[in-house]
Amino acid sequence: MTEETRKMIYQLLASIIMIIFGLLFAFPLKWMWNYSIVYIFDLPIIGWGHAYCLWILSSWFFKANLINIKK
Protein backbone atom coordinates (compact mmCIF):
# COMPACT_ATOMS: atom_id res chain seq x y z
CA MET A 1 0.00 0.00 0.00
CA THR A 2 1.47 3.34 -1.00
CA GLU A 3 1.74 6.34 1.26
CA GLU A 4 -0.79 8.23 -0.89
CA THR A 5 -3.39 5.46 -0.49
CA ARG A 6 -2.77 5.29 3.24
CA LYS A 7 -3.35 9.05 3.58
CA MET A 8 -6.60 8.81 1.62
CA ILE A 9 -7.84 5.98 3.87
CA TYR A 10 -6.98 7.99 7.00
CA GLN A 11 -8.79 11.03 5.63
CA LEU A 12 -11.85 8.94 4.78
CA LEU A 13 -11.90 7.37 8.25
CA ALA A 14 -11.50 10.80 9.88
CA SER A 15 -14.41 12.14 7.83
CA ILE A 16 -16.64 9.20 8.78
CA ILE A 17 -15.74 9.60 12.47
CA MET A 18 -16.54 13.32 12.33
CA ILE A 19 -19.94 12.65 10.74
CA ILE A 20 -20.80 10.01 13.35
CA PHE A 21 -19.60 12.33 16.13
CA GLY A 22 -21.82 15.11 14.78
CA LEU A 23 -24.85 12.84 14.51
CA LEU A 24 -24.35 11.69 18.10
CA PHE A 25 -24.18 15.30 19.30
CA ALA A 26 -27.32 16.21 17.34
CA PHE A 27 -29.55 14.33 19.78
CA PRO A 28 -28.48 16.15 22.97
CA LEU A 29 -28.64 19.44 21.06
CA LYS A 30 -32.19 18.61 19.94
CA TRP A 31 -33.25 17.67 23.45
CA MET A 32 -31.76 20.82 24.99
CA TRP A 33 -33.28 23.03 22.28
CA ASN A 34 -36.73 21.49 22.64
CA TYR A 35 -36.58 21.64 26.45
CA SER A 36 -35.44 25.24 26.84
CA ILE A 37 -35.57 27.42 23.71
CA VAL A 38 -39.12 26.44 22.76
CA TYR A 39 -40.49 27.65 26.08
CA ILE A 40 -38.26 30.70 26.49
CA PHE A 41 -38.54 32.23 23.01
CA ASP A 42 -41.64 30.41 21.66
CA LEU A 43 -39.67 28.94 18.73
CA PRO A 44 -40.67 25.70 16.97
CA ILE A 45 -39.55 22.23 18.02
CA ILE A 46 -36.67 20.83 15.94
CA GLY A 47 -35.79 17.29 14.86
CA TRP A 48 -32.41 15.59 14.79
CA GLY A 49 -31.75 16.70 11.21
CA HIS A 50 -32.21 20.35 12.12
CA ALA A 51 -30.08 19.84 15.23
CA TYR A 52 -27.31 18.32 13.09
CA CYS A 53 -27.39 21.30 10.74
CA LEU A 54 -27.38 23.66 13.72
CA TRP A 55 -24.35 21.83 15.15
CA ILE A 56 -22.49 22.17 11.83
CA LEU A 57 -23.33 25.88 11.52
CA SER A 58 -22.27 26.63 15.07
CA SER A 59 -19.00 24.75 14.56
CA TRP A 60 -18.31 26.88 11.48
CA PHE A 61 -19.12 30.19 13.15
CA PHE A 62 -17.65 29.58 16.59
CA LYS A 63 -14.46 27.69 15.75
CA ALA A 64 -11.49 28.20 18.03
CA ASN A 65 -8.51 29.96 16.51
CA LEU A 66 -5.77 27.35 16.18
CA ILE A 67 -3.20 29.58 14.49
CA ASN A 68 -0.22 30.41 16.67
CA ILE A 69 1.01 33.90 15.79
CA LYS A 70 4.63 34.45 16.77
CA LYS A 71 5.83 37.99 17.37
C-alpha atoms as a PDB file:
ATOM      1  CA  MET A   1       0.000   0.000   0.000  1.00  0.00           C
ATOM      2  CA  THR A   2       1.468   3.337  -1.004  1.00  0.00           C
ATOM      3  CA  GLU A   3       1.740   6.342   1.256  1.00  0.00           C
ATOM      4  CA  GLU A   4      -0.788   8.229  -0.888  1.00  0.00           C
ATOM      5  CA  THR A   5      -3.386   5.465  -0.492  1.00  0.00           C
ATOM      6  CA  ARG A   6      -2.774   5.288   3.237  1.00  0.00           C
ATOM      7  CA  LYS A   7      -3.347   9.052   3.575  1.00  0.00           C
ATOM      8  CA  MET A   8      -6.604   8.807   1.624  1.00  0.00           C
ATOM      9  CA  ILE A   9      -7.836   5.984   3.872  1.00  0.00           C
ATOM     10  CA  TYR A  10      -6.983   7.990   6.998  1.00  0.00           C
ATOM     11  CA  GLN A  11      -8.793  11.032   5.635  1.00  0.00           C
ATOM     12  CA  LEU A  12     -11.846   8.943   4.784  1.00  0.00           C
ATOM     13  CA  LEU A  13     -11.897   7.375   8.247  1.00  0.00           C
ATOM     14  CA  ALA A  14     -11.503  10.798   9.880  1.00  0.00           C
ATOM     15  CA  SER A  15     -14.415  12.141   7.828  1.00  0.00           C
ATOM     16  CA  ILE A  16     -16.635   9.200   8.779  1.00  0.00           C
ATOM     17  CA  ILE A  17     -15.745   9.596  12.466  1.00  0.00           C
ATOM     18  CA  MET A  18     -16.536  13.323  12.327  1.00  0.00           C
ATOM     19  CA  ILE A  19     -19.935  12.648  10.736  1.00  0.00           C
ATOM     20  CA  ILE A  20     -20.795  10.008  13.350  1.00  0.00           C
ATOM     21  CA  PHE A  21     -19.603  12.325  16.131  1.00  0.00           C
ATOM     22  CA  GLY A  22     -21.822  15.110  14.778  1.00  0.00           C
ATOM     23  CA  LEU A  23     -24.848  12.840  14.512  1.00  0.00           C
ATOM     24  CA  LEU A  24     -24.354  11.690  18.103  1.00  0.00           C
ATOM     25  CA  PHE A  25     -24.184  15.297  19.303  1.00  0.00           C
ATOM     26  CA  ALA A  26     -27.323  16.213  17.345  1.00  0.00           C
ATOM     27  CA  PHE A  27     -29.549  14.332  19.780  1.00  0.00           C
ATOM     28  CA  PRO A  28     -28.479  16.150  22.975  1.00  0.00           C
ATOM     29  CA  LEU A  29     -28.642  19.440  21.059  1.00  0.00           C
ATOM     30  CA  LYS A  30     -32.187  18.607  19.942  1.00  0.00           C
ATOM     31  CA  TRP A  31     -33.250  17.675  23.445  1.00  0.00           C
ATOM     32  CA  MET A  32     -31.757  20.818  24.992  1.00  0.00           C
ATOM     33  CA  TRP A  33     -33.283  23.033  22.283  1.00  0.00           C
ATOM     34  CA  ASN A  34     -36.726  21.490  22.644  1.00  0.00           C
ATOM     35  CA  TYR A  35     -36.576  21.639  26.451  1.00  0.00           C
ATOM     36  CA  SER A  36     -35.435  25.242  26.836  1.00  0.00           C
ATOM     37  CA  ILE A  37     -35.574  27.416  23.707  1.00  0.00           C
ATOM     38  CA  VAL A  38     -39.118  26.436  22.755  1.00  0.00           C
ATOM     39  CA  TYR A  39     -40.486  27.648  26.077  1.00  0.00           C
ATOM     40  CA  ILE A  40     -38.262  30.700  26.488  1.00  0.00           C
ATOM     41  CA  PHE A  41     -38.539  32.234  23.010  1.00  0.00           C
ATOM     42  CA  ASP A  42     -41.635  30.405  21.659  1.00  0.00           C
ATOM     43  CA  LEU A  43     -39.670  28.940  18.733  1.00  0.00           C
ATOM     44  CA  PRO A  44     -40.671  25.701  16.971  1.00  0.00           C
ATOM     45  CA  ILE A  45     -39.547  22.226  18.020  1.00  0.00           C
ATOM     46  CA  ILE A  46     -36.668  20.833  15.936  1.00  0.00           C
ATOM     47  CA  GLY A  47     -35.794  17.295  14.861  1.00  0.00           C
ATOM     48  CA  TRP A  48     -32.406  15.587  14.794  1.00  0.00           C
ATOM     49  CA  GLY A  49     -31.750  16.699  11.208  1.00  0.00           C
ATOM     50  CA  HIS A  50     -32.214  20.351  12.118  1.00  0.00           C
ATOM     51  CA  ALA A  51     -30.084  19.837  15.228  1.00  0.00           C
ATOM     52  CA  TYR A  52     -27.310  18.316  13.094  1.00  0.00           C
ATOM     53  CA  CYS A  53     -27.393  21.304  10.737  1.00  0.00           C
ATOM     54  CA  LEU A  54     -27.384  23.663  13.725  1.00  0.00           C
ATOM     55  CA  TRP A  55     -24.350  21.825  15.154  1.00  0.00           C
ATOM     56  CA  ILE A  56     -22.491  22.175  11.832  1.00  0.00           C
ATOM     57  CA  LEU A  57     -23.334  25.878  11.516  1.00  0.00           C
ATOM     58  CA  SER A  58     -22.266  26.626  15.073  1.00  0.00           C
ATOM     59  CA  SER A  59     -18.997  24.754  14.565  1.00  0.00           C
ATOM     60  CA  TRP A  60     -18.312  26.879  11.478  1.00  0.00           C
ATOM     61  CA  PHE A  61     -19.118  30.192  13.148  1.00  0.00           C
ATOM     62  CA  PHE A  62     -17.648  29.575  16.590  1.00  0.00           C
ATOM     63  CA  LYS A  63     -14.460  27.695  15.749  1.00  0.00           C
ATOM     64  CA  ALA A  64     -11.487  28.202  18.033  1.00  0.00           C
ATOM     65  CA  ASN A  65      -8.514  29.957  16.511  1.00  0.00           C
ATOM     66  CA  LEU A  66      -5.769  27.348  16.184  1.00  0.00           C
ATOM     67  CA  ILE A  67      -3.200  29.580  14.487  1.00  0.00           C
ATOM     68  CA  ASN A  68      -0.223  30.412  16.672  1.00  0.00           C
ATOM     69  CA  ILE A  69       1.010  33.902  15.791  1.00  0.00           C
ATOM     70  CA  LYS A  70       4.629  34.447  16.773  1.00  0.00           C
ATOM     71  CA  LYS A  71       5.828  37.988  17.370  1.00  0.00           C
END
